[in-house]
Amino acid sequence: MTPLSHSPTLSIGGLETVYDALATAIDQAGADKVQLFLVKLALLNANALADETLFQQHITAALQDL
């Protein structure tokens, strides 16, 4: 998947750190709350991104090859 935004991207190390933090948080949320956690996280990130079109592009990219 290629980056969709025009802003700087994370390094491989940065992506690994984010991945590890996300995996840990998913474990902490527990199986019964993981969907709620992911929706809350997505909404927080959408707000931080402040670009509805770009967020929709990210949704489309994330749905590819599931």
PDB file of N, CA and C in Angstrom:
ATOM      1  N   MET A   1       0.841  -1.162   0.000  1.00  0.00           N
ATOM      2  CA  MET A   1       0.000   0.000   0.000  1.00  0.00           C
ATOM      3  C   MET A   1       0.894   1.235   0.000  1.00  0.00           C
ATOM      4  N   THR A   2       0.571   2.210  -0.822  1.00  0.00           N
ATOM      5  CA  THR A   2       1.356   3.431  -0.877  1.00  0.00           C
ATOM      6  C   THR A   2       0.728   4.500  -0.003  1.00  0.00           C
ATOM      7  N   PRO A   3       1.547   5.386   0.547  1.00  0.00           N
ATOM      8  CA  PRO A   3       0.983   6.469   1.356  1.00  0.00           C
ATOM      9  C   PRO A   3       0.035   7.318   0.531  1.00  0.00           C
ATOM     10  N   LEU A   4      -1.068   7.729   1.121  1.00  0.00           N
ATOM     11  CA  LEU A   4      -2.064   8.499   0.405  1.00  0.00           C
ATOM     12  C   LEU A   4      -1.967   9.988   0.671  1.00  0.00           C
ATOM     13  N   SER A   5      -1.260  10.373   1.689  1.00  0.00           N
ATOM     14  CA  SER A   5      -1.210  11.783   2.045  1.00  0.00           C
ATOM     15  C   SER A   5       0.042  12.432   1.468  1.00  0.00           C
ATOM     16  N   HIS A   6       0.044  13.723   1.479  1.00  0.00           N
ATOM     17  CA  HIS A   6       1.193  14.489   1.020  1.00  0.00           C
ATOM     18  C   HIS A   6       2.108  14.878   2.169  1.00  0.00           C
ATOM     19  N   SER A   7       1.738  14.530   3.373  1.00  0.00           N
ATOM     20  CA  SER A   7       2.548  14.853   4.534  1.00  0.00           C
ATOM     21  C   SER A   7       3.647  13.803   4.711  1.00  0.00           C
ATOM     22  N   PRO A   8       4.610  14.098   5.563  1.00  0.00           N
ATOM     23  CA  PRO A   8       5.693  13.132   5.797  1.00  0.00           C
ATOM     24  C   PRO A   8       5.158  11.789   6.299  1.00  0.00           C
ATOM     25  N   THR A   9       5.845  10.737   5.963  1.00  0.00           N
ATOM     26  CA  THR A   9       5.451   9.400   6.391  1.00  0.00           C
ATOM     27  C   THR A   9       6.406   8.902   7.471  1.00  0.00           C
ATOM     28  N   LEU A  10       5.965   7.884   8.192  1.00  0.00           N
ATOM     29  CA  LEU A  10       6.794   7.287   9.229  1.00  0.00           C
ATOM     30  C   LEU A  10       7.894   6.437   8.605  1.00  0.00           C
ATOM     31  N   SER A  11       9.001   6.352   9.301  1.00  0.00           N
ATOM     32  CA  SER A  11      10.068   5.432   8.902  1.00  0.00           C
ATOM     33  C   SER A  11       9.610   4.006   9.196  1.00  0.00           C
ATOM     34  N   ILE A  12      10.353   3.030   8.729  1.00  0.00           N
ATOM     35  CA  ILE A  12      10.040   1.626   9.038  1.00  0.00           C
ATOM     36  C   ILE A  12      10.051   1.423  10.551  1.00  0.00           C
ATOM     37  N   GLY A  13      11.012   1.977  11.228  1.00  0.00           N
ATOM     38  CA  GLY A  13      11.072   1.872  12.683  1.00  0.00           C
ATOM     39  C   GLY A  13       9.871   2.512  13.349  1.00  0.00           C
ATOM     40  N   GLY A  14       9.450   3.655  12.833  1.00  0.00           N
ATOM     41  CA  GLY A  14       8.268   4.319  13.358  1.00  0.00           C
ATOM     42  C   GLY A  14       7.017   3.492  13.154  1.00  0.00           C
ATOM     43  N   LEU A  15       6.891   2.885  11.973  1.00  0.00           N
ATOM     44  CA  LEU A  15       5.748   2.006  11.705  1.00  0.00           C
ATOM     45  C   LEU A  15       5.754   0.797  12.635  1.00  0.00           C
ATOM     46  N   GLU A  16       6.930   0.234  12.891  1.00  0.00           N
ATOM     47  CA  GLU A  16       7.022  -0.899  13.806  1.00  0.00           C
ATOM     48  C   GLU A  16       6.605  -0.495  15.221  1.00  0.00           C
ATOM     49  N   THR A  17       7.005   0.693  15.649  1.00  0.00           N
ATOM     50  CA  THR A  17       6.617   1.190  16.968  1.00  0.00           C
ATOM     51  C   THR A  17       5.105   1.365  17.056  1.00  0.00           C
ATOM     52  N   VAL A  18       4.507   1.967  16.026  1.00  0.00           N
ATOM     53  CA  VAL A  18       3.056   2.166  15.992  1.00  0.00           C
ATOM     54  C   VAL A  18       2.336   0.817  15.974  1.00  0.00           C
ATOM     55  N   TYR A  19       2.835  -0.119  15.194  1.00  0.00           N
ATOM     56  CA  TYR A  19       2.230  -1.447  15.119  1.00  0.00           C
ATOM     57  C   TYR A  19       2.245  -2.113  16.492  1.00  0.00           C
ATOM     58  N   ASP A  20       3.393  -2.053  17.164  1.00  0.00           N
ATOM     59  CA  ASP A  20       3.508  -2.665  18.493  1.00  0.00           C
ATOM     60  C   ASP A  20       2.562  -2.007  19.491  1.00  0.00           C
ATOM     61  N   ALA A  21       2.474  -0.680  19.452  1.00  0.00           N
ATOM     62  CA  ALA A  21       1.577   0.034  20.364  1.00  0.00           C
ATOM     63  C   ALA A  21       0.120  -0.332  20.088  1.00  0.00           C
ATOM     64  N   LEU A  22      -0.241  -0.446  18.816  1.00  0.00           N
ATOM     65  CA  LEU A  22      -1.606  -0.815  18.451  1.00  0.00           C
ATOM     66  C   LEU A  22      -1.926  -2.239  18.894  1.00  0.00           C
ATOM     67  N   ALA A  23      -1.007  -3.164  18.661  1.00  0.00           N
ATOM     68  CA  ALA A  23      -1.226  -4.553  19.074  1.00  0.00           C
ATOM     69  C   ALA A  23      -1.394  -4.656  20.584  1.00  0.00           C
ATOM     70  N   THR A  24      -0.597  -3.926  21.322  1.00  0.00           N
ATOM     71  CA  THR A  24      -0.695  -3.923  22.784  1.00  0.00           C
ATOM     72  C   THR A  24      -2.033  -3.346  23.233  1.00  0.00           C
ATOM     73  N   ALA A  25      -2.438  -2.234  22.615  1.00  0.00           N
ATOM     74  CA  ALA A  25      -3.705  -1.602  22.977  1.00  0.00           C
ATOM     75  C   ALA A  25      -4.893  -2.506  22.648  1.00  0.00           C
ATOM     76  N   ILE A  26      -4.840  -3.213  21.531  1.00  0.00           N
ATOM     77  CA  ILE A  26      -5.907  -4.154  21.171  1.00  0.00           C
ATOM     78  C   ILE A  26      -6.001  -5.254  22.219  1.00  0.00           C
ATOM     79  N   ASP A  27      -4.868  -5.772  22.650  1.00  0.00           N
ATOM     80  CA  ASP A  27      -4.861  -6.781  23.716  1.00  0.00           C
ATOM     81  C   ASP A  27      -5.447  -6.220  25.008  1.00  0.00           C
ATOM     82  N   GLN A  28      -5.094  -4.988  25.338  1.00  0.00           N
ATOM     83  CA  GLN A  28      -5.594  -4.352  26.560  1.00  0.00           C
ATOM     84  C   GLN A  28      -7.101  -4.119  26.496  1.00  0.00           C
ATOM     85  N   ALA A  29      -7.612  -3.777  25.317  1.00  0.00           N
ATOM     86  CA  ALA A  29      -9.050  -3.525  25.160  1.00  0.00           C
ATOM     87  C   ALA A  29      -9.854  -4.797  25.392  1.00  0.00           C
ATOM     88  N   GLY A  30      -9.303  -5.931  25.001  1.00  0.00           N
ATOM     89  CA  GLY A  30     -10.007  -7.197  25.145  1.00  0.00           C
ATOM     90  C   GLY A  30     -10.914  -7.466  23.958  1.00  0.00           C
ATOM     91  N   ALA A  31     -11.177  -8.735  23.725  1.00  0.00           N
ATOM     92  CA  ALA A  31     -11.941  -9.162  22.554  1.00  0.00           C
ATOM     93  C   ALA A  31     -13.323  -8.523  22.497  1.00  0.00           C
ATOM     94  N   ASP A  32     -13.929  -8.292  23.647  1.00  0.00           N
ATOM     95  CA  ASP A  32     -15.285  -7.754  23.662  1.00  0.00           C
ATOM     96  C   ASP A  32     -15.341  -6.255  23.398  1.00  0.00           C
ATOM     97  N   LYS A  33     -14.217  -5.566  23.462  1.00  0.00           N
ATOM     98  CA  LYS A  33     -14.190  -4.107  23.267  1.00  0.00           C
ATOM     99  C   LYS A  33     -13.313  -3.667  22.100  1.00  0.00           C
ATOM    100  N   VAL A  34     -12.735  -4.613  21.356  1.00  0.00           N
ATOM    101  CA  VAL A  34     -11.774  -4.240  20.318  1.00  0.00           C
ATOM    102  C   VAL A  34     -12.434  -3.413  19.217  1.00  0.00           C
ATOM    103  N   GLN A  35     -13.657  -3.729  18.812  1.00  0.00           N
ATOM    104  CA  GLN A  35     -14.308  -2.944  17.761  1.00  0.00           C
ATOM    105  C   GLN A  35     -14.557  -1.516  18.227  1.00  0.00           C
ATOM    106  N   LEU A  36     -15.029  -1.350  19.444  1.00  0.00           N
ATOM    107  CA  LEU A  36     -15.260  -0.013  19.991  1.00  0.00           C
ATOM    108  C   LEU A  36     -13.946   0.762  20.061  1.00  0.00           C
ATOM    109  N   PHE A  37     -12.891   0.117  20.536  1.00  0.00           N
ATOM    110  CA  PHE A  37     -11.586   0.759  20.607  1.00  0.00           C
ATOM    111  C   PHE A  37     -11.127   1.228  19.229  1.00  0.00           C
ATOM    112  N   LEU A  38     -11.240   0.364  18.212  1.00  0.00           N
ATOM    113  CA  LEU A  38     -10.765   0.720  16.874  1.00  0.00           C
ATOM    114  C   LEU A  38     -11.581   1.856  16.267  1.00  0.00           C
ATOM    115  N   VAL A  39     -12.885   1.891  16.519  1.00  0.00           N
ATOM    116  CA  VAL A  39     -13.710   2.991  16.027  1.00  0.00           C
ATOM    117  C   VAL A  39     -13.307   4.297  16.709  1.00  0.00           C
ATOM    118  N   LYS A  40     -13.121   4.250  18.032  1.00  0.00           N
ATOM    119  CA  LYS A  40     -12.694   5.454  18.747  1.00  0.00           C
ATOM    120  C   LYS A  40     -11.336   5.939  18.244  1.00  0.00           C
ATOM    121  N   LEU A  41     -10.422   5.013  18.033  1.00  0.00           N
ATOM    122  CA  LEU A  41      -9.100   5.374  17.531  1.00  0.00           C
ATOM    123  C   LEU A  41      -9.206   5.990  16.139  1.00  0.00           C
ATOM    124  N   ALA A  42     -10.027   5.401  15.275  1.00  0.00           N
ATOM    125  CA  ALA A  42     -10.198   5.939  13.919  1.00  0.00           C
ATOM    126  C   ALA A  42     -10.778   7.347  13.962  1.00  0.00           C
ATOM    127  N   LEU A  43     -11.763   7.577  14.822  1.00  0.00           N
ATOM    128  CA  LEU A  43     -12.366   8.906  14.916  1.00  0.00           C
ATOM    129  C   LEU A  43     -11.377   9.935  15.459  1.00  0.00           C
ATOM    130  N   LEU A  44     -10.581   9.553  16.445  1.00  0.00           N
ATOM    131  CA  LEU A  44      -9.549  10.457  16.957  1.00  0.00           C
ATOM    132  C   LEU A  44      -8.529  10.811  15.874  1.00  0.00           C
ATOM    133  N   ASN A  45      -8.137   9.819  15.095  1.00  0.00           N
ATOM    134  CA  ASN A  45      -7.171  10.061  14.022  1.00  0.00           C
ATOM    135  C   ASN A  45      -7.782  10.860  12.882  1.00  0.00           C
ATOM    136  N   ALA A  46      -9.057  10.628  12.576  1.00  0.00           N
ATOM    137  CA  ALA A  46      -9.735  11.420  11.552  1.00  0.00           C
ATOM    138  C   ALA A  46      -9.784  12.883  11.975  1.00  0.00           C
ATOM    139  N   ASN A  47     -10.078  13.115  13.242  1.00  0.00           N
ATOM    140  CA  ASN A  47     -10.115  14.483  13.746  1.00  0.00           C
ATOM    141  C   ASN A  47      -8.730  15.129  13.673  1.00  0.00           C
ATOM    142  N   ALA A  48      -7.699  14.393  14.021  1.00  0.00           N
ATOM    143  CA  ALA A  48      -6.334  14.916  13.955  1.00  0.00           C
ATOM    144  C   ALA A  48      -5.912  15.181  12.512  1.00  0.00           C
ATOM    145  N   LEU A  49      -6.357  14.322  11.599  1.00  0.00           N
ATOM    146  CA  LEU A  49      -6.045  14.481  10.181  1.00  0.00           C
ATOM    147  C   LEU A  49      -6.752  15.704   9.596  1.00  0.00           C
ATOM    148  N   ALA A  50      -7.986  15.938  10.040  1.00  0.00           N
ATOM    149  CA  ALA A  50      -8.782  17.108   9.634  1.00  0.00           C
ATOM    150  C   ALA A  50      -8.995  17.183   8.119  1.00  0.00           C
ATOM    151  N   ASP A  51      -9.188  16.028   7.493  1.00  0.00           N
ATOM    152  CA  ASP A  51      -9.406  15.988   6.047  1.00  0.00           C
ATOM    153  C   ASP A  51     -10.307  14.803   5.736  1.00  0.00           C
ATOM    154  N   GLU A  52     -11.610  15.076   5.533  1.00  0.00           N
ATOM    155  CA  GLU A  52     -12.573  13.989   5.321  1.00  0.00           C
ATOM    156  C   GLU A  52     -12.256  13.168   4.080  1.00  0.00           C
ATOM    157  N   THR A  53     -11.831  13.838   3.017  1.00  0.00           N
ATOM    158  CA  THR A  53     -11.536  13.144   1.769  1.00  0.00           C
ATOM    159  C   THR A  53     -10.355  12.199   1.938  1.00  0.00           C
ATOM    160  N   LEU A  54      -9.310  12.677   2.575  1.00  0.00           N
ATOM    161  CA  LEU A  54      -8.131  11.832   2.798  1.00  0.00           C
ATOM    162  C   LEU A  54      -8.482  10.667   3.713  1.00  0.00           C
ATOM    163  N   PHE A  55      -9.299  10.913   4.731  1.00  0.00           N
ATOM    164  CA  PHE A  55      -9.703   9.828   5.617  1.00  0.00           C
ATOM    165  C   PHE A  55     -10.484   8.771   4.841  1.00  0.00           C
ATOM    166  N   GLN A  56     -11.372   9.190   3.944  1.00  0.00           N
ATOM    167  CA  GLN A  56     -12.112   8.229   3.120  1.00  0.00           C
ATOM    168  C   GLN A  56     -11.166   7.439   2.229  1.00  0.00           C
ATOM    169  N   GLN A  57     -10.140   8.084   1.709  1.00  0.00           N
ATOM    170  CA  GLN A  57      -9.135   7.379   0.902  1.00  0.00           C
ATOM    171  C   GLN A  57      -8.413   6.332   1.746  1.00  0.00           C
ATOM    172  N   HIS A  58      -8.134   6.658   2.990  1.00  0.00           N
ATOM    173  CA  HIS A  58      -7.495   5.695   3.898  1.00  0.00           C
ATOM    174  C   HIS A  58      -8.407   4.512   4.162  1.00  0.00           C
ATOM    175  N   ILE A  59      -9.703   4.758   4.338  1.00  0.00           N
ATOM    176  CA  ILE A  59     -10.660   3.674   4.528  1.00  0.00           C
ATOM    177  C   ILE A  59     -10.643   2.754   3.315  1.00  0.00           C
ATOM    178  N   THR A  60     -10.690   3.340   2.130  1.00  0.00           N
ATOM    179  CA  THR A  60     -10.679   2.542   0.890  1.00  0.00           C
ATOM    180  C   THR A  60      -9.417   1.710   0.780  1.00  0.00           C
ATOM    181  N   ALA A  61      -8.277   2.309   1.102  1.00  0.00           N
ATOM    182  CA  ALA A  61      -6.996   1.588   1.034  1.00  0.00           C
ATOM    183  C   ALA A  61      -6.965   0.452   2.061  1.00  0.00           C
ATOM    184  N   ALA A  62      -7.482   0.709   3.256  1.00  0.00           N
ATOM    185  CA  ALA A  62      -7.463  -0.315   4.309  1.00  0.00           C
ATOM    186  C   ALA A  62      -8.363  -1.494   3.981  1.00  0.00           C
ATOM    187  N   LEU A  63      -9.409  -1.269   3.204  1.00  0.00           N
ATOM    188  CA  LEU A  63     -10.314  -2.352   2.823  1.00  0.00           C
ATOM    189  C   LEU A  63      -9.749  -3.258   1.736  1.00  0.00           C
ATOM    190  N   GLN A  64      -8.741  -2.785   1.040  1.00  0.00           N
ATOM    191  CA  GLN A  64      -8.153  -3.579  -0.031  1.00  0.00           C
ATOM    192  C   GLN A  64      -7.440  -4.804   0.526  1.00  0.00           C
ATOM    193  N   ASP A  65      -7.613  -5.903  -0.141  1.00  0.00           N
ATOM    194  CA  ASP A  65      -6.888  -7.146   0.149  1.00  0.00           C
ATOM    195  C   ASP A  65      -7.078  -7.661   1.581  1.00  0.00           C
ATOM    196  N   LEU A  66      -8.270  -7.486   2.145  1.00  0.00           N
ATOM    197  CA  LEU A  66      -8.531  -8.043   3.490  1.00  0.00           C
ATOM    198  C   LEU A  66      -8.666  -9.551   3.409  1.00  0.00           C
TER     199      LEU A  66
END
